[in-house]
Amino acid sequence: MAELGAHGMNGEVELMLRHSADFLDLFSVFAVAWRWLAQAAAAKEGLARGGGDRDFHEGKLAAAQYWFATELPRVPLLIQLCRTGEDSYARMRPEWF
């Protein structure tokens, strides 16, 4: 992800900031996925041990699976937007509305 901030380091701050929300979204999806992965691993261990509340562990696994199936697939598009600097919205003019 460090390369995604390279535009700003090259003095192209406006270009970098155009997709700052996408960059933050990308980072947050990864951060939450990392936490869900840790929780899913702990839930798997809990189920293997046979201790604790089985429903709780199954719920953690289902929630992690949901995140991985619905949120993580957004990452490639967010990376592409940050890398390419797609700027259609930045070229808009008030008189076009």
PDB file of N, CA and C in Angstrom:
ATOM      1  N   MET A   1       0.825  -1.192   0.000  1.00  0.00           N
ATOM      2  CA  MET A   1       0.000   0.000   0.000  1.00  0.00           C
ATOM      3  C   MET A   1       0.867   1.254   0.000  1.00  0.00           C
ATOM      4  N   ALA A   2       2.114   1.114   0.340  1.00  0.00           N
ATOM      5  CA  ALA A   2       2.988   2.288   0.361  1.00  0.00           C
ATOM      6  C   ALA A   2       3.095   2.922  -1.011  1.00  0.00           C
ATOM      7  N   GLU A   3       3.092   2.096  -2.057  1.00  0.00           N
ATOM      8  CA  GLU A   3       3.207   2.652  -3.402  1.00  0.00           C
ATOM      9  C   GLU A   3       2.006   3.514  -3.767  1.00  0.00           C
ATOM     10  N   LEU A   4       0.872   3.275  -3.122  1.00  0.00           N
ATOM     11  CA  LEU A   4      -0.327   4.048  -3.436  1.00  0.00           C
ATOM     12  C   LEU A   4      -0.198   5.500  -2.990  1.00  0.00           C
ATOM     13  N   GLY A   5       0.647   5.770  -2.027  1.00  0.00           N
ATOM     14  CA  GLY A   5       0.871   7.135  -1.568  1.00  0.00           C
ATOM     15  C   GLY A   5       1.992   7.831  -2.299  1.00  0.00           C
ATOM     16  N   ALA A   6       2.554   7.192  -3.299  1.00  0.00           N
ATOM     17  CA  ALA A   6       3.719   7.729  -4.010  1.00  0.00           C
ATOM     18  C   ALA A   6       3.428   9.035  -4.736  1.00  0.00           C
ATOM     19  N   HIS A   7       2.208   9.240  -5.198  1.00  0.00           N
ATOM     20  CA  HIS A   7       1.882  10.481  -5.903  1.00  0.00           C
ATOM     21  C   HIS A   7       2.197  11.689  -5.031  1.00  0.00           C
ATOM     22  N   GLY A   8       1.803  11.625  -3.762  1.00  0.00           N
ATOM     23  CA  GLY A   8       2.052  12.737  -2.852  1.00  0.00           C
ATOM     24  C   GLY A   8       3.530  12.946  -2.600  1.00  0.00           C
ATOM     25  N   MET A   9       4.282  11.864  -2.559  1.00  0.00           N
ATOM     26  CA  MET A   9       5.714  11.975  -2.326  1.00  0.00           C
ATOM     27  C   MET A   9       6.418  12.581  -3.545  1.00  0.00           C
ATOM     28  N   ASN A  10       5.785  12.484  -4.705  1.00  0.00           N
ATOM     29  CA  ASN A  10       6.347  13.068  -5.918  1.00  0.00           C
ATOM     30  C   ASN A  10       5.883  14.503  -6.112  1.00  0.00           C
ATOM     31  N   GLY A  11       5.237  15.062  -5.117  1.00  0.00           N
ATOM     32  CA  GLY A  11       4.767  16.439  -5.206  1.00  0.00           C
ATOM     33  C   GLY A  11       3.390  16.584  -5.823  1.00  0.00           C
ATOM     34  N   GLU A  12       2.747  15.479  -6.175  1.00  0.00           N
ATOM     35  CA  GLU A  12       1.425  15.519  -6.791  1.00  0.00           C
ATOM     36  C   GLU A  12       0.358  15.337  -5.707  1.00  0.00           C
ATOM     37  N   VAL A  13       0.311  16.256  -4.788  1.00  0.00           N
ATOM     38  CA  VAL A  13      -0.568  16.132  -3.622  1.00  0.00           C
ATOM     39  C   VAL A  13      -2.036  16.106  -4.031  1.00  0.00           C
ATOM     40  N   GLU A  14      -2.435  16.983  -4.945  1.00  0.00           N
ATOM     41  CA  GLU A  14      -3.841  17.001  -5.364  1.00  0.00           C
ATOM     42  C   GLU A  14      -4.245  15.662  -5.966  1.00  0.00           C
ATOM     43  N   LEU A  15      -3.369  15.094  -6.777  1.00  0.00           N
ATOM     44  CA  LEU A  15      -3.645  13.796  -7.389  1.00  0.00           C
ATOM     45  C   LEU A  15      -3.797  12.716  -6.321  1.00  0.00           C
ATOM     46  N   MET A  16      -2.950  12.744  -5.316  1.00  0.00           N
ATOM     47  CA  MET A  16      -3.014  11.773  -4.240  1.00  0.00           C
ATOM     48  C   MET A  16      -4.310  11.947  -3.438  1.00  0.00           C
ATOM     49  N   LEU A  17      -4.688  13.181  -3.166  1.00  0.00           N
ATOM     50  CA  LEU A  17      -5.861  13.434  -2.338  1.00  0.00           C
ATOM     51  C   LEU A  17      -7.175  13.110  -3.039  1.00  0.00           C
ATOM     52  N   ARG A  18      -7.177  13.057  -4.342  1.00  0.00           N
ATOM     53  CA  ARG A  18      -8.410  12.744  -5.071  1.00  0.00           C
ATOM     54  C   ARG A  18      -8.983  11.398  -4.658  1.00  0.00           C
ATOM     55  N   HIS A  19      -8.137  10.490  -4.280  1.00  0.00           N
ATOM     56  CA  HIS A  19      -8.616   9.161  -3.885  1.00  0.00           C
ATOM     57  C   HIS A  19      -8.267   8.845  -2.432  1.00  0.00           C
ATOM     58  N   SER A  20      -8.157   9.875  -1.618  1.00  0.00           N
ATOM     59  CA  SER A  20      -7.824   9.640  -0.212  1.00  0.00           C
ATOM     60  C   SER A  20      -8.916   8.839   0.498  1.00  0.00           C
ATOM     61  N   ALA A  21     -10.182   9.086   0.164  1.00  0.00           N
ATOM     62  CA  ALA A  21     -11.266   8.318   0.791  1.00  0.00           C
ATOM     63  C   ALA A  21     -11.195   6.856   0.360  1.00  0.00           C
ATOM     64  N   ASP A  22     -10.846   6.621  -0.907  1.00  0.00           N
ATOM     65  CA  ASP A  22     -10.696   5.241  -1.381  1.00  0.00           C
ATOM     66  C   ASP A  22      -9.540   4.550  -0.666  1.00  0.00           C
ATOM     67  N   PHE A  23      -8.451   5.279  -0.460  1.00  0.00           N
ATOM     68  CA  PHE A  23      -7.292   4.722   0.239  1.00  0.00           C
ATOM     69  C   PHE A  23      -7.665   4.366   1.679  1.00  0.00           C
ATOM     70  N   LEU A  24      -8.384   5.253   2.356  1.00  0.00           N
ATOM     71  CA  LEU A  24      -8.803   4.974   3.732  1.00  0.00           C
ATOM     72  C   LEU A  24      -9.773   3.797   3.779  1.00  0.00           C
ATOM     73  N   ASP A  25     -10.669   3.725   2.811  1.00  0.00           N
ATOM     74  CA  ASP A  25     -11.606   2.610   2.729  1.00  0.00           C
ATOM     75  C   ASP A  25     -10.840   1.304   2.538  1.00  0.00           C
ATOM     76  N   LEU A  26      -9.871   1.322   1.644  1.00  0.00           N
ATOM     77  CA  LEU A  26      -9.028   0.154   1.382  1.00  0.00           C
ATOM     78  C   LEU A  26      -8.316  -0.303   2.648  1.00  0.00           C
ATOM     79  N   PHE A  27      -7.704   0.623   3.343  1.00  0.00           N
ATOM     80  CA  PHE A  27      -6.978   0.286   4.565  1.00  0.00           C
ATOM     81  C   PHE A  27      -7.926  -0.277   5.623  1.00  0.00           C
ATOM     82  N   SER A  28      -9.113   0.327   5.757  1.00  0.00           N
ATOM     83  CA  SER A  28     -10.046  -0.145   6.783  1.00  0.00           C
ATOM     84  C   SER A  28     -10.564  -1.541   6.468  1.00  0.00           C
ATOM     85  N   VAL A  29     -10.815  -1.834   5.186  1.00  0.00           N
ATOM     86  CA  VAL A  29     -11.264  -3.176   4.818  1.00  0.00           C
ATOM     87  C   VAL A  29     -10.200  -4.212   5.201  1.00  0.00           C
ATOM     88  N   PHE A  30      -8.934  -3.895   4.928  1.00  0.00           N
ATOM     89  CA  PHE A  30      -7.848  -4.806   5.309  1.00  0.00           C
ATOM     90  C   PHE A  30      -7.743  -4.943   6.822  1.00  0.00           C
ATOM     91  N   ALA A  31      -7.829  -3.844   7.544  1.00  0.00           N
ATOM     92  CA  ALA A  31      -7.697  -3.888   8.999  1.00  0.00           C
ATOM     93  C   ALA A  31      -8.807  -4.724   9.637  1.00  0.00           C
ATOM     94  N   VAL A  32     -10.036  -4.525   9.180  1.00  0.00           N
ATOM     95  CA  VAL A  32     -11.152  -5.292   9.732  1.00  0.00           C
ATOM     96  C   VAL A  32     -11.032  -6.765   9.331  1.00  0.00           C
ATOM     97  N   ALA A  33     -10.609  -7.031   8.102  1.00  0.00           N
ATOM     98  CA  ALA A  33     -10.425  -8.421   7.665  1.00  0.00           C
ATOM     99  C   ALA A  33      -9.371  -9.128   8.516  1.00  0.00           C
ATOM    100  N   TRP A  34      -8.311  -8.388   8.835  1.00  0.00           N
ATOM    101  CA  TRP A  34      -7.259  -8.960   9.683  1.00  0.00           C
ATOM    102  C   TRP A  34      -7.823  -9.356  11.036  1.00  0.00           C
ATOM    103  N   ARG A  35      -8.669  -8.497  11.620  1.00  0.00           N
ATOM    104  CA  ARG A  35      -9.268  -8.807  12.919  1.00  0.00           C
ATOM    105  C   ARG A  35     -10.243  -9.977  12.806  1.00  0.00           C
ATOM    106  N   TRP A  36     -11.037 -10.009  11.716  1.00  0.00           N
ATOM    107  CA  TRP A  36     -11.956 -11.133  11.537  1.00  0.00           C
ATOM    108  C   TRP A  36     -11.195 -12.441  11.360  1.00  0.00           C
ATOM    109  N   LEU A  37     -10.054 -12.385  10.702  1.00  0.00           N
ATOM    110  CA  LEU A  37      -9.239 -13.582  10.527  1.00  0.00           C
ATOM    111  C   LEU A  37      -8.772 -14.104  11.885  1.00  0.00           C
ATOM    112  N   ALA A  38      -8.339 -13.202  12.749  1.00  0.00           N
ATOM    113  CA  ALA A  38      -7.906 -13.609  14.087  1.00  0.00           C
ATOM    114  C   ALA A  38      -9.066 -14.211  14.882  1.00  0.00           C
ATOM    115  N   GLN A  39     -10.243 -13.590  14.776  1.00  0.00           N
ATOM    116  CA  GLN A  39     -11.407 -14.108  15.497  1.00  0.00           C
ATOM    117  C   GLN A  39     -11.857 -15.459  14.942  1.00  0.00           C
ATOM    118  N   ALA A  40     -11.789 -15.604  13.623  1.00  0.00           N
ATOM    119  CA  ALA A  40     -12.175 -16.877  13.011  1.00  0.00           C
ATOM    120  C   ALA A  40     -11.221 -17.986  13.436  1.00  0.00           C
ATOM    121  N   ALA A  41      -9.933 -17.672  13.495  1.00  0.00           N
ATOM    122  CA  ALA A  41      -8.955 -18.673  13.935  1.00  0.00           C
ATOM    123  C   ALA A  41      -9.236 -19.097  15.378  1.00  0.00           C
ATOM    124  N   ALA A  42      -9.543 -18.131  16.228  1.00  0.00           N
ATOM    125  CA  ALA A  42      -9.854 -18.447  17.622  1.00  0.00           C
ATOM    126  C   ALA A  42     -11.144 -19.260  17.715  1.00  0.00           C
ATOM    127  N   ALA A  43     -12.118 -18.938  16.885  1.00  0.00           N
ATOM    128  CA  ALA A  43     -13.378 -19.684  16.885  1.00  0.00           C
ATOM    129  C   ALA A  43     -13.151 -21.124  16.432  1.00  0.00           C
ATOM    130  N   LYS A  44     -12.312 -21.310  15.417  1.00  0.00           N
ATOM    131  CA  LYS A  44     -11.988 -22.671  14.957  1.00  0.00           C
ATOM    132  C   LYS A  44     -11.342 -23.472  16.080  1.00  0.00           C
ATOM    133  N   GLU A  45     -10.415 -22.847  16.788  1.00  0.00           N
ATOM    134  CA  GLU A  45      -9.762 -23.520  17.912  1.00  0.00           C
ATOM    135  C   GLU A  45     -10.776 -23.859  18.995  1.00  0.00           C
ATOM    136  N   GLY A  46     -11.671 -22.925  19.259  1.00  0.00           N
ATOM    137  CA  GLY A  46     -12.701 -23.179  20.268  1.00  0.00           C
ATOM    138  C   GLY A  46     -13.599 -24.345  19.891  1.00  0.00           C
ATOM    139  N   LEU A  47     -13.958 -24.408  18.623  1.00  0.00           N
ATOM    140  CA  LEU A  47     -14.782 -25.528  18.169  1.00  0.00           C
ATOM    141  C   LEU A  47     -14.015 -26.841  18.242  1.00  0.00           C
ATOM    142  N   ALA A  48     -12.734 -26.814  17.903  1.00  0.00           N
ATOM    143  CA  ALA A  48     -11.911 -28.029  17.943  1.00  0.00           C
ATOM    144  C   ALA A  48     -11.756 -28.549  19.374  1.00  0.00           C
ATOM    145  N   ARG A  49     -11.655 -27.622  20.324  1.00  0.00           N
ATOM    146  CA  ARG A  49     -11.527 -28.017  21.740  1.00  0.00           C
ATOM    147  C   ARG A  49     -12.842 -28.526  22.293  1.00  0.00           C
ATOM    148  N   GLY A  50     -13.934 -28.085  21.669  1.00  0.00           N
ATOM    149  CA  GLY A  50     -15.247 -28.519  22.154  1.00  0.00           C
ATOM    150  C   GLY A  50     -15.710 -27.758  23.378  1.00  0.00           C
ATOM    151  N   GLY A  51     -14.972 -26.744  23.768  1.00  0.00           N
ATOM    152  CA  GLY A  51     -15.377 -25.977  24.941  1.00  0.00           C
ATOM    153  C   GLY A  51     -16.108 -24.711  24.542  1.00  0.00           C
ATOM    154  N   GLY A  52     -16.735 -24.112  25.494  1.00  0.00           N
ATOM    155  CA  GLY A  52     -17.395 -22.842  25.263  1.00  0.00           C
ATOM    156  C   GLY A  52     -18.728 -22.986  24.555  1.00  0.00           C
ATOM    157  N   ASP A  53     -19.214 -21.877  24.105  1.00  0.00           N
ATOM    158  CA  ASP A  53     -20.516 -21.800  23.454  1.00  0.00           C
ATOM    159  C   ASP A  53     -20.363 -22.041  21.952  1.00  0.00           C
ATOM    160  N   ARG A  54     -20.824 -23.179  21.474  1.00  0.00           N
ATOM    161  CA  ARG A  54     -20.710 -23.537  20.062  1.00  0.00           C
ATOM    162  C   ARG A  54     -21.381 -22.489  19.165  1.00  0.00           C
ATOM    163  N   ASP A  55     -22.535 -22.019  19.564  1.00  0.00           N
ATOM    164  CA  ASP A  55     -23.248 -21.007  18.765  1.00  0.00           C
ATOM    165  C   ASP A  55     -22.421 -19.734  18.618  1.00  0.00           C
ATOM    166  N   PHE A  56     -21.757 -19.340  19.688  1.00  0.00           N
ATOM    167  CA  PHE A  56     -20.904 -18.147  19.639  1.00  0.00           C
ATOM    168  C   PHE A  56     -19.795 -18.327  18.600  1.00  0.00           C
ATOM    169  N   HIS A  57     -19.127 -19.480  18.635  1.00  0.00           N
ATOM    170  CA  HIS A  57     -18.035 -19.744  17.698  1.00  0.00           C
ATOM    171  C   HIS A  57     -18.545 -19.806  16.256  1.00  0.00           C
ATOM    172  N   GLU A  58     -19.662 -20.465  16.050  1.00  0.00           N
ATOM    173  CA  GLU A  58     -20.242 -20.553  14.706  1.00  0.00           C
ATOM    174  C   GLU A  58     -20.629 -19.165  14.192  1.00  0.00           C
ATOM    175  N   GLY A  59     -21.132 -18.335  15.089  1.00  0.00           N
ATOM    176  CA  GLY A  59     -21.492 -16.967  14.708  1.00  0.00           C
ATOM    177  C   GLY A  59     -20.281 -16.163  14.280  1.00  0.00           C
ATOM    178  N   LYS A  60     -19.174 -16.323  14.992  1.00  0.00           N
ATOM    179  CA  LYS A  60     -17.936 -15.632  14.614  1.00  0.00           C
ATOM    180  C   LYS A  60     -17.463 -16.077  13.231  1.00  0.00           C
ATOM    181  N   LEU A  61     -17.537 -17.379  12.982  1.00  0.00           N
ATOM    182  CA  LEU A  61     -17.110 -17.892  11.680  1.00  0.00           C
ATOM    183  C   LEU A  61     -18.006 -17.379  10.551  1.00  0.00           C
ATOM    184  N   ALA A  62     -19.305 -17.338  10.789  1.00  0.00           N
ATOM    185  CA  ALA A  62     -20.228 -16.845   9.767  1.00  0.00           C
ATOM    186  C   ALA A  62     -20.005 -15.358   9.498  1.00  0.00           C
ATOM    187  N   ALA A  63     -19.773 -14.587  10.544  1.00  0.00           N
ATOM    188  CA  ALA A  63     -19.535 -13.153  10.373  1.00  0.00           C
ATOM    189  C   ALA A  63     -18.236 -12.895   9.606  1.00  0.00           C
ATOM    190  N   ALA A  64     -17.199 -13.665   9.911  1.00  0.00           N
ATOM    191  CA  ALA A  64     -15.934 -13.535   9.194  1.00  0.00           C
ATOM    192  C   ALA A  64     -16.114 -13.906   7.731  1.00  0.00           C
ATOM    193  N   GLN A  65     -16.839 -14.994   7.480  1.00  0.00           N
ATOM    194  CA  GLN A  65     -17.085 -15.415   6.099  1.00  0.00           C
ATOM    195  C   GLN A  65     -17.845 -14.336   5.336  1.00  0.00           C
ATOM    196  N   TYR A  66     -18.817 -13.707   5.982  1.00  0.00           N
ATOM    197  CA  TYR A  66     -19.568 -12.629   5.342  1.00  0.00           C
ATOM    198  C   TYR A  66     -18.630 -11.489   4.945  1.00  0.00           C
ATOM    199  N   TRP A  67     -17.747 -11.076   5.854  1.00  0.00           N
ATOM    200  CA  TRP A  67     -16.820  -9.966   5.566  1.00  0.00           C
ATOM    201  C   TRP A  67     -15.912 -10.314   4.389  1.00  0.00           C
ATOM    202  N   PHE A  68     -15.386 -11.537   4.423  1.00  0.00           N
ATOM    203  CA  PHE A  68     -14.472 -11.952   3.346  1.00  0.00           C
ATOM    204  C   PHE A  68     -15.198 -12.056   2.006  1.00  0.00           C
ATOM    205  N   ALA A  69     -16.470 -12.429   2.031  1.00  0.00           N
ATOM    206  CA  ALA A  69     -17.225 -12.605   0.782  1.00  0.00           C
ATOM    207  C   ALA A  69     -17.768 -11.292   0.229  1.00  0.00           C
ATOM    208  N   THR A  70     -18.036 -10.314   1.103  1.00  0.00           N
ATOM    209  CA  THR A  70     -18.693  -9.093   0.622  1.00  0.00           C
ATOM    210  C   THR A  70     -17.806  -7.855   0.620  1.00  0.00           C
ATOM    211  N   GLU A  71     -16.890  -7.749   1.541  1.00  0.00           N
ATOM    212  CA  GLU A  71     -16.069  -6.544   1.644  1.00  0.00           C
ATOM    213  C   GLU A  71     -14.705  -6.705   0.990  1.00  0.00           C
ATOM    214  N   LEU A  72     -14.044  -7.799   1.240  1.00  0.00           N
ATOM    215  CA  LEU A  72     -12.704  -8.010   0.690  1.00  0.00           C
ATOM    216  C   LEU A  72     -12.657  -7.951  -0.843  1.00  0.00           C
ATOM    217  N   PRO A  73     -13.689  -8.409  -1.553  1.00  0.00           N
ATOM    218  CA  PRO A  73     -13.644  -8.308  -3.020  1.00  0.00           C
ATOM    219  C   PRO A  73     -13.617  -6.874  -3.556  1.00  0.00           C
ATOM    220  N   ARG A  74     -13.915  -5.891  -2.720  1.00  0.00           N
ATOM    221  CA  ARG A  74     -13.863  -4.488  -3.146  1.00  0.00           C
ATOM    222  C   ARG A  74     -12.430  -3.962  -3.260  1.00  0.00           C
ATOM    223  N   VAL A  75     -11.500  -4.662  -2.633  1.00  0.00           N
ATOM    224  CA  VAL A  75     -10.113  -4.190  -2.556  1.00  0.00           C
ATOM    225  C   VAL A  75      -9.458  -3.975  -3.922  1.00  0.00           C
ATOM    226  N   PRO A  76      -9.550  -4.911  -4.869  1.00  0.00           N
ATOM    227  CA  PRO A  76      -8.894  -4.672  -6.163  1.00  0.00           C
ATOM    228  C   PRO A  76      -9.366  -3.389  -6.863  1.00  0.00           C
ATOM    229  N   LEU A  77     -10.658  -3.108  -6.807  1.00  0.00           N
ATOM    230  CA  LEU A  77     -11.158  -1.873  -7.430  1.00  0.00           C
ATOM    231  C   LEU A  77     -10.601  -0.644  -6.718  1.00  0.00           C
ATOM    232  N   LEU A  78     -10.579  -0.664  -5.408  1.00  0.00           N
ATOM    233  CA  LEU A  78     -10.046   0.477  -4.660  1.00  0.00           C
ATOM    234  C   LEU A  78      -8.564   0.687  -4.976  1.00  0.00           C
ATOM    235  N   ILE A  79      -7.810  -0.394  -5.087  1.00  0.00           N
ATOM    236  CA  ILE A  79      -6.395  -0.280  -5.445  1.00  0.00           C
ATOM    237  C   ILE A  79      -6.262   0.320  -6.840  1.00  0.00           C
ATOM    238  N   GLN A  80      -7.073  -0.153  -7.766  1.00  0.00           N
ATOM    239  CA  GLN A  80      -7.009   0.358  -9.135  1.00  0.00           C
ATOM    240  C   GLN A  80      -7.320   1.855  -9.179  1.00  0.00           C
ATOM    241  N   LEU A  81      -8.324   2.283  -8.449  1.00  0.00           N
ATOM    242  CA  LEU A  81      -8.669   3.708  -8.426  1.00  0.00           C
ATOM    243  C   LEU A  81      -7.515   4.544  -7.883  1.00  0.00           C
ATOM    244  N   CYS A  82      -6.892   4.066  -6.826  1.00  0.00           N
ATOM    245  CA  CYS A  82      -5.764   4.795  -6.231  1.00  0.00           C
ATOM    246  C   CYS A  82      -4.554   4.805  -7.154  1.00  0.00           C
ATOM    247  N   ARG A  83      -4.279   3.692  -7.784  1.00  0.00           N
ATOM    248  CA  ARG A  83      -3.106   3.603  -8.668  1.00  0.00           C
ATOM    249  C   ARG A  83      -3.260   4.436  -9.930  1.00  0.00           C
ATOM    250  N   THR A  84      -4.429   4.378 -10.550  1.00  0.00           N
ATOM    251  CA  THR A  84      -4.607   5.043 -11.839  1.00  0.00           C
ATOM    252  C   THR A  84      -4.949   6.512 -11.692  1.00  0.00           C
ATOM    253  N   GLY A  85      -5.452   6.897 -10.527  1.00  0.00           N
ATOM    254  CA  GLY A  85      -5.837   8.291 -10.339  1.00  0.00           C
ATOM    255  C   GLY A  85      -7.035   8.677 -11.186  1.00  0.00           C
ATOM    256  N   GLU A  86      -7.934   7.734 -11.431  1.00  0.00           N
ATOM    257  CA  GLU A  86      -9.136   8.000 -12.221  1.00  0.00           C
ATOM    258  C   GLU A  86      -9.721   9.333 -11.770  1.00  0.00           C
ATOM    259  N   ASP A  87      -9.968  10.241 -12.724  1.00  0.00           N
ATOM    260  CA  ASP A  87     -10.322  11.611 -12.333  1.00  0.00           C
ATOM    261  C   ASP A  87     -11.582  12.163 -12.984  1.00  0.00           C
ATOM    262  N   SER A  88     -12.484  11.315 -13.425  1.00  0.00           N
ATOM    263  CA  SER A  88     -13.684  11.808 -14.109  1.00  0.00           C
ATOM    264  C   SER A  88     -14.462  12.792 -13.243  1.00  0.00           C
ATOM    265  N   TYR A  89     -14.563  12.528 -11.969  1.00  0.00           N
ATOM    266  CA  TYR A  89     -15.296  13.426 -11.079  1.00  0.00           C
ATOM    267  C   TYR A  89     -14.547  14.744 -10.862  1.00  0.00           C
ATOM    268  N   ALA A  90     -13.227  14.732 -10.929  1.00  0.00           N
ATOM    269  CA  ALA A  90     -12.436  15.941 -10.702  1.00  0.00           C
ATOM    270  C   ALA A  90     -12.492  16.884 -11.902  1.00  0.00           C
ATOM    271  N   ARG A  91     -12.844  16.361 -13.073  1.00  0.00           N
ATOM    272  CA  ARG A  91     -12.933  17.186 -14.277  1.00  0.00           C
ATOM    273  C   ARG A  91     -14.292  17.850 -14.434  1.00  0.00           C
ATOM    274  N   MET A  92     -15.238  17.507 -13.584  1.00  0.00           N
ATOM    275  CA  MET A  92     -16.585  18.078 -13.677  1.00  0.00           C
ATOM    276  C   MET A  92     -16.549  19.592 -13.481  1.00  0.00           C
ATOM    277  N   ARG A  93     -17.454  20.279 -14.150  1.00  0.00           N
ATOM    278  CA  ARG A  93     -17.596  21.733 -14.048  1.00  0.00           C
ATOM    279  C   ARG A  93     -19.023  22.058 -13.628  1.00  0.00           C
ATOM    280  N   PRO A  94     -19.217  23.079 -12.811  1.00  0.00           N
ATOM    281  CA  PRO A  94     -20.562  23.434 -12.355  1.00  0.00           C
ATOM    282  C   PRO A  94     -21.541  23.693 -13.505  1.00  0.00           C
ATOM    283  N   GLU A  95     -21.053  24.244 -14.591  1.00  0.00           N
ATOM    284  CA  GLU A  95     -21.960  24.574 -15.698  1.00  0.00           C
ATOM    285  C   GLU A  95     -22.481  23.324 -16.416  1.00  0.00           C
ATOM    286  N   TRP A  96     -21.921  22.170 -16.128  1.00  0.00           N
ATOM    287  CA  TRP A  96     -22.378  20.943 -16.761  1.00  0.00           C
ATOM    288  C   TRP A  96     -23.637  20.384 -16.095  1.00  0.00           C
ATOM    289  N   PHE A  97     -24.050  20.993 -15.005  1.00  0.00           N
ATOM    290  CA  PHE A  97     -25.219  20.467 -14.282  1.00  0.00           C
ATOM    291  C   PHE A  97     -26.476  21.179 -14.646  1.00  0.00           C
TER     292      PHE A  97
END
